[in-house]
């Protein structure tokens, strides 16, 4: 057994992703694998919203409009970034955390972490299938009006917009921390 899937993992910038994305069979396989995460109490504290095709531009247009209403003097480049943020990758999987804040046994943090693991599994799974992927958030992930636009309930929040497609360039490597700088032993 090899750790290559972990050691070779790279985020491919969403602007470097294009067609093709996963076909229907690959997508089902990817999603089935992605939801195999630790889930204390079997709460399933997450769900997935797929954004693809014309819905990508529709969402970008709505977010640009939202931003412009709130900040009429925003620079045009900032508004254009909102408008085009979902244009490149053919598939965006929105990972939504469904948190039961007052659950008697399962802390909210464990529920949130389970949702985060779904997002990470999407990255690993996409790469394993030969695709590139990037986990992004941005202001729309934390905005209640954007959440409403995406159909989220009051107890739901976006954990990640995972952009998936074919890498048009090699994924860049970044400097990783030295192991000794992040590992200690408690005694």
C-alpha atoms as a PDB file:
ATOM      1  CA  UNK A   1       0.000   0.000   0.000  1.00  0.00           C
ATOM      2  CA  UNK A   2       1.234   3.477  -0.852  1.00  0.00           C
ATOM      3  CA  UNK A   3       0.586   6.961   0.491  1.00  0.00           C
ATOM      4  CA  UNK A   4       1.027   8.462  -2.980  1.00  0.00           C
ATOM      5  CA  UNK A   5      -2.585   9.685  -3.129  1.00  0.00           C
ATOM      6  CA  UNK A   6      -1.806  11.863  -0.108  1.00  0.00           C
ATOM      7  CA  UNK A   7       1.797  12.751  -0.902  1.00  0.00           C
ATOM      8  CA  UNK A   8       0.990  13.777  -4.475  1.00  0.00           C
ATOM      9  CA  UNK A   9      -2.171  15.741  -3.690  1.00  0.00           C
ATOM     10  CA  UNK A  10      -2.190  19.222  -5.193  1.00  0.00           C
ATOM     11  CA  UNK A  11      -4.797  21.906  -5.487  1.00  0.00           C
ATOM     12  CA  UNK A  12      -5.252  22.956  -9.093  1.00  0.00           C
ATOM     13  CA  UNK A  13      -6.321  26.624  -9.213  1.00  0.00           C
ATOM     14  CA  UNK A  14      -9.932  26.769 -10.380  1.00  0.00           C
ATOM     15  CA  UNK A  15      -8.996  29.099 -13.253  1.00  0.00           C
ATOM     16  CA  UNK A  16      -6.781  26.304 -14.611  1.00  0.00           C
ATOM     17  CA  UNK A  17      -9.639  23.785 -14.693  1.00  0.00           C
ATOM     18  CA  UNK A  18     -11.718  23.080 -17.772  1.00  0.00           C
ATOM     19  CA  UNK A  19     -13.653  20.434 -19.628  1.00  0.00           C
ATOM     20  CA  UNK A  20     -14.123  17.618 -19.382  1.00  0.00           C
ATOM     21  CA  UNK A  21     -15.387  17.077 -15.895  1.00  0.00           C
ATOM     22  CA  UNK A  22     -16.457  13.747 -14.478  1.00  0.00           C
ATOM     23  CA  UNK A  23     -19.082  11.919 -16.508  1.00  0.00           C
ATOM     24  CA  UNK A  24     -22.213  10.687 -14.710  1.00  0.00           C
ATOM     25  CA  UNK A  25     -20.694   7.334 -13.725  1.00  0.00           C
ATOM     26  CA  UNK A  26     -17.471   8.940 -12.471  1.00  0.00           C
ATOM     27  CA  UNK A  27     -19.463  11.560 -10.568  1.00  0.00           C
ATOM     28  CA  UNK A  28     -21.561   8.951  -8.773  1.00  0.00           C
ATOM     29  CA  UNK A  29     -18.407   6.990  -7.921  1.00  0.00           C
ATOM     30  CA  UNK A  30     -16.693  10.158  -6.670  1.00  0.00           C
ATOM     31  CA  UNK A  31     -19.643  11.277  -4.553  1.00  0.00           C
ATOM     32  CA  UNK A  32     -20.164   7.786  -3.107  1.00  0.00           C
ATOM     33  CA  UNK A  33     -16.512   7.692  -2.019  1.00  0.00           C
ATOM     34  CA  UNK A  34     -16.520  11.287  -0.751  1.00  0.00           C
ATOM     35  CA  UNK A  35     -19.276  10.671   1.784  1.00  0.00           C
ATOM     36  CA  UNK A  36     -17.395   7.784   3.422  1.00  0.00           C
ATOM     37  CA  UNK A  37     -16.209   9.932   6.317  1.00  0.00           C
ATOM     38  CA  UNK A  38     -16.242   9.669  10.101  1.00  0.00           C
ATOM     39  CA  UNK A  39     -19.735  10.623  11.266  1.00  0.00           C
ATOM     40  CA  UNK A  40     -20.209  10.337  15.024  1.00  0.00           C
ATOM     41  CA  UNK A  41     -23.787   9.309  15.736  1.00  0.00           C
ATOM     42  CA  UNK A  42     -24.538   8.719  12.038  1.00  0.00           C
ATOM     43  CA  UNK A  43     -26.081  12.184  11.809  1.00  0.00           C
ATOM     44  CA  UNK A  44     -25.041  12.765   8.192  1.00  0.00           C
ATOM     45  CA  UNK A  45     -24.286  16.403   9.065  1.00  0.00           C
ATOM     46  CA  UNK A  46     -23.688  17.400   5.459  1.00  0.00           C
ATOM     47  CA  UNK A  47     -25.201  17.398   2.016  1.00  0.00           C
ATOM     48  CA  UNK A  48     -23.979  18.222  -1.462  1.00  0.00           C
ATOM     49  CA  UNK A  49     -25.267  20.743  -3.992  1.00  0.00           C
ATOM     50  CA  UNK A  50     -23.979  20.340  -7.552  1.00  0.00           C
ATOM     51  CA  UNK A  51     -23.437  23.430  -9.674  1.00  0.00           C
ATOM     52  CA  UNK A  52     -22.764  22.795 -13.350  1.00  0.00           C
ATOM     53  CA  UNK A  53     -23.739  23.853 -16.833  1.00  0.00           C
ATOM     54  CA  UNK A  54     -25.641  27.125 -17.141  1.00  0.00           C
ATOM     55  CA  UNK A  55     -26.228  27.189 -13.363  1.00  0.00           C
ATOM     56  CA  UNK A  56     -22.586  28.270 -12.899  1.00  0.00           C
ATOM     57  CA  UNK A  57     -23.098  31.550 -14.778  1.00  0.00           C
ATOM     58  CA  UNK A  58     -26.511  32.063 -13.177  1.00  0.00           C
ATOM     59  CA  UNK A  59     -24.996  31.794  -9.692  1.00  0.00           C
ATOM     60  CA  UNK A  60     -22.090  34.072 -10.606  1.00  0.00           C
ATOM     61  CA  UNK A  61     -24.490  36.683 -11.980  1.00  0.00           C
ATOM     62  CA  UNK A  62     -26.604  36.528  -8.806  1.00  0.00           C
ATOM     63  CA  UNK A  63     -23.534  36.913  -6.567  1.00  0.00           C
ATOM     64  CA  UNK A  64     -22.244  39.845  -8.624  1.00  0.00           C
ATOM     65  CA  UNK A  65     -25.636  41.526  -8.304  1.00  0.00           C
ATOM     66  CA  UNK A  66     -25.700  40.891  -4.562  1.00  0.00           C
ATOM     67  CA  UNK A  67     -22.247  42.398  -4.149  1.00  0.00           C
ATOM     68  CA  UNK A  68     -23.096  45.441  -6.283  1.00  0.00           C
ATOM     69  CA  UNK A  69     -26.289  46.133  -4.289  1.00  0.00           C
ATOM     70  CA  UNK A  70     -24.295  46.114  -1.059  1.00  0.00           C
ATOM     71  CA  UNK A  71     -21.303  48.008  -2.391  1.00  0.00           C
ATOM     72  CA  UNK A  72     -22.372  50.167  -5.377  1.00  0.00           C
ATOM     73  CA  UNK A  73     -18.880  51.673  -5.640  1.00  0.00           C
ATOM     74  CA  UNK A  74     -17.092  48.313  -5.767  1.00  0.00           C
ATOM     75  CA  UNK A  75     -14.392  48.218  -8.430  1.00  0.00           C
ATOM     76  CA  UNK A  76     -15.618  46.615 -11.668  1.00  0.00           C
ATOM     77  CA  UNK A  77     -12.834  44.002 -11.450  1.00  0.00           C
ATOM     78  CA  UNK A  78     -14.148  42.828  -8.070  1.00  0.00           C
ATOM     79  CA  UNK A  79     -17.691  42.492  -9.406  1.00  0.00           C
ATOM     80  CA  UNK A  80     -16.404  40.665 -12.495  1.00  0.00           C
ATOM     81  CA  UNK A  81     -14.526  38.247 -10.232  1.00  0.00           C
ATOM     82  CA  UNK A  82     -17.834  37.426  -8.503  1.00  0.00           C
ATOM     83  CA  UNK A  83     -19.565  37.058 -11.859  1.00  0.00           C
ATOM     84  CA  UNK A  84     -16.956  34.651 -13.239  1.00  0.00           C
ATOM     85  CA  UNK A  85     -15.938  32.736 -10.113  1.00  0.00           C
ATOM     86  CA  UNK A  86     -17.762  29.565 -11.218  1.00  0.00           C
ATOM     87  CA  UNK A  87     -17.019  29.795 -14.961  1.00  0.00           C
ATOM     88  CA  UNK A  88     -13.937  27.595 -15.363  1.00  0.00           C
ATOM     89  CA  UNK A  89     -14.423  24.199 -13.744  1.00  0.00           C
ATOM     90  CA  UNK A  90     -17.269  22.228 -15.313  1.00  0.00           C
ATOM     91  CA  UNK A  91     -18.401  21.000 -11.891  1.00  0.00           C
ATOM     92  CA  UNK A  92     -18.593  22.678  -8.528  1.00  0.00           C
ATOM     93  CA  UNK A  93     -19.665  20.526  -5.600  1.00  0.00           C
ATOM     94  CA  UNK A  94     -20.938  22.674  -2.769  1.00  0.00           C
ATOM     95  CA  UNK A  95     -20.365  20.899   0.533  1.00  0.00           C
ATOM     96  CA  UNK A  96     -22.992  22.035   3.004  1.00  0.00           C
ATOM     97  CA  UNK A  97     -22.705  21.377   6.742  1.00  0.00           C
ATOM     98  CA  UNK A  98     -26.004  20.648   8.499  1.00  0.00           C
ATOM     99  CA  UNK A  99     -25.283  21.393  12.132  1.00  0.00           C
ATOM    100  CA  UNK A 100     -27.430  20.409  15.097  1.00  0.00           C
ATOM    101  CA  UNK A 101     -25.997  23.011  17.505  1.00  0.00           C
ATOM    102  CA  UNK A 102     -27.690  21.594  20.599  1.00  0.00           C
ATOM    103  CA  UNK A 103     -27.287  17.905  19.895  1.00  0.00           C
ATOM    104  CA  UNK A 104     -27.168  16.129  23.290  1.00  0.00           C
ATOM    105  CA  UNK A 105     -24.231  13.906  22.332  1.00  0.00           C
ATOM    106  CA  UNK A 106     -22.414  15.126  19.208  1.00  0.00           C
ATOM    107  CA  UNK A 107     -20.624  18.499  19.472  1.00  0.00           C
ATOM    108  CA  UNK A 108     -21.182  20.933  16.606  1.00  0.00           C
ATOM    109  CA  UNK A 109     -17.438  20.904  15.919  1.00  0.00           C
ATOM    110  CA  UNK A 110     -17.503  17.160  15.181  1.00  0.00           C
ATOM    111  CA  UNK A 111     -20.377  17.677  12.764  1.00  0.00           C
ATOM    112  CA  UNK A 112     -18.538  20.500  11.009  1.00  0.00           C
ATOM    113  CA  UNK A 113     -15.342  18.474  10.774  1.00  0.00           C
ATOM    114  CA  UNK A 114     -17.262  15.585   9.207  1.00  0.00           C
ATOM    115  CA  UNK A 115     -18.482  17.967   6.489  1.00  0.00           C
ATOM    116  CA  UNK A 116     -14.921  19.210   5.991  1.00  0.00           C
ATOM    117  CA  UNK A 117     -13.771  15.649   5.475  1.00  0.00           C
ATOM    118  CA  UNK A 118     -16.325  15.233   2.693  1.00  0.00           C
ATOM    119  CA  UNK A 119     -14.741  18.231   0.963  1.00  0.00           C
ATOM    120  CA  UNK A 120     -11.263  16.770   1.405  1.00  0.00           C
ATOM    121  CA  UNK A 121     -12.368  13.391   0.094  1.00  0.00           C
ATOM    122  CA  UNK A 122     -13.696  15.166  -2.991  1.00  0.00           C
ATOM    123  CA  UNK A 123     -10.203  16.586  -3.584  1.00  0.00           C
ATOM    124  CA  UNK A 124      -8.525  13.214  -3.156  1.00  0.00           C
ATOM    125  CA  UNK A 125     -11.157  11.390  -5.163  1.00  0.00           C
ATOM    126  CA  UNK A 126     -11.092  13.845  -8.047  1.00  0.00           C
ATOM    127  CA  UNK A 127      -7.323  13.538  -8.279  1.00  0.00           C
ATOM    128  CA  UNK A 128      -7.535   9.734  -8.083  1.00  0.00           C
ATOM    129  CA  UNK A 129      -9.884   9.810 -11.089  1.00  0.00           C
ATOM    130  CA  UNK A 130      -7.419  11.959 -13.034  1.00  0.00           C
ATOM    131  CA  UNK A 131      -9.103  15.324 -12.495  1.00  0.00           C
ATOM    132  CA  UNK A 132      -7.869  18.484 -10.855  1.00  0.00           C
ATOM    133  CA  UNK A 133      -9.733  20.118  -7.993  1.00  0.00           C
ATOM    134  CA  UNK A 134      -9.619  23.092  -5.667  1.00  0.00           C
ATOM    135  CA  UNK A 135     -11.440  23.774  -2.399  1.00  0.00           C
ATOM    136  CA  UNK A 136     -12.578  27.403  -2.307  1.00  0.00           C
ATOM    137  CA  UNK A 137     -14.828  29.469  -0.090  1.00  0.00           C
ATOM    138  CA  UNK A 138     -14.902  33.250  -0.560  1.00  0.00           C
ATOM    139  CA  UNK A 139     -17.460  35.640   0.855  1.00  0.00           C
ATOM    140  CA  UNK A 140     -20.406  33.720  -0.634  1.00  0.00           C
ATOM    141  CA  UNK A 141     -19.631  30.729   1.594  1.00  0.00           C
ATOM    142  CA  UNK A 142     -20.237  32.843   4.697  1.00  0.00           C
ATOM    143  CA  UNK A 143     -23.119  35.021   3.552  1.00  0.00           C
ATOM    144  CA  UNK A 144     -26.702  34.288   4.630  1.00  0.00           C
ATOM    145  CA  UNK A 145     -28.255  35.815   1.508  1.00  0.00           C
ATOM    146  CA  UNK A 146     -26.012  33.634  -0.667  1.00  0.00           C
ATOM    147  CA  UNK A 147     -26.937  30.651   1.515  1.00  0.00           C
ATOM    148  CA  UNK A 148     -30.607  31.391   0.908  1.00  0.00           C
ATOM    149  CA  UNK A 149     -29.949  31.632  -2.834  1.00  0.00           C
ATOM    150  CA  UNK A 150     -28.392  28.143  -2.645  1.00  0.00           C
ATOM    151  CA  UNK A 151     -31.426  26.821  -0.758  1.00  0.00           C
ATOM    152  CA  UNK A 152     -29.724  26.361   2.599  1.00  0.00           C
ATOM    153  CA  UNK A 153     -31.698  26.099   5.821  1.00  0.00           C
ATOM    154  CA  UNK A 154     -30.930  28.204   8.893  1.00  0.00           C
ATOM    155  CA  UNK A 155     -28.797  25.405  10.414  1.00  0.00           C
ATOM    156  CA  UNK A 156     -26.788  24.928   7.209  1.00  0.00           C
ATOM    157  CA  UNK A 157     -23.629  26.604   5.967  1.00  0.00           C
ATOM    158  CA  UNK A 158     -21.272  26.233   3.062  1.00  0.00           C
ATOM    159  CA  UNK A 159     -18.043  24.484   4.012  1.00  0.00           C
ATOM    160  CA  UNK A 160     -16.553  24.405   0.529  1.00  0.00           C
ATOM    161  CA  UNK A 161     -17.089  25.028  -3.128  1.00  0.00           C
ATOM    162  CA  UNK A 162     -15.011  22.188  -4.584  1.00  0.00           C
ATOM    163  CA  UNK A 163     -14.196  23.006  -8.211  1.00  0.00           C
ATOM    164  CA  UNK A 164     -13.507  19.889 -10.315  1.00  0.00           C
ATOM    165  CA  UNK A 165     -12.359  19.557 -13.916  1.00  0.00           C
ATOM    166  CA  UNK A 166      -9.461  18.708 -16.158  1.00  0.00           C
ATOM    167  CA  UNK A 167      -6.235  20.536 -15.320  1.00  0.00           C
ATOM    168  CA  UNK A 168      -5.014  22.667 -18.234  1.00  0.00           C
ATOM    169  CA  UNK A 169      -1.618  23.065 -16.548  1.00  0.00           C
ATOM    170  CA  UNK A 170       0.412  21.064 -14.059  1.00  0.00           C
ATOM    171  CA  UNK A 171      -0.706  21.760 -10.530  1.00  0.00           C
ATOM    172  CA  UNK A 172       1.789  23.909  -8.640  1.00  0.00           C
ATOM    173  CA  UNK A 173       3.534  22.538  -5.571  1.00  0.00           C
ATOM    174  CA  UNK A 174       3.853  24.737  -2.549  1.00  0.00           C
ATOM    175  CA  UNK A 175       6.241  24.716   0.358  1.00  0.00           C
ATOM    176  CA  UNK A 176       5.037  22.300   3.021  1.00  0.00           C
ATOM    177  CA  UNK A 177       5.930  22.630   6.698  1.00  0.00           C
ATOM    178  CA  UNK A 178       8.874  20.687   8.019  1.00  0.00           C
ATOM    179  CA  UNK A 179       7.517  17.724   9.940  1.00  0.00           C
ATOM    180  CA  UNK A 180       9.548  18.537  13.052  1.00  0.00           C
ATOM    181  CA  UNK A 181       8.018  22.011  13.171  1.00  0.00           C
ATOM    182  CA  UNK A 182       4.470  20.677  13.575  1.00  0.00           C
ATOM    183  CA  UNK A 183       4.932  17.460  15.556  1.00  0.00           C
ATOM    184  CA  UNK A 184       5.535  17.181  19.275  1.00  0.00           C
ATOM    185  CA  UNK A 185       5.105  14.453  21.811  1.00  0.00           C
ATOM    186  CA  UNK A 186       3.167  14.851  25.003  1.00  0.00           C
ATOM    187  CA  UNK A 187       4.513  13.021  28.018  1.00  0.00           C
END
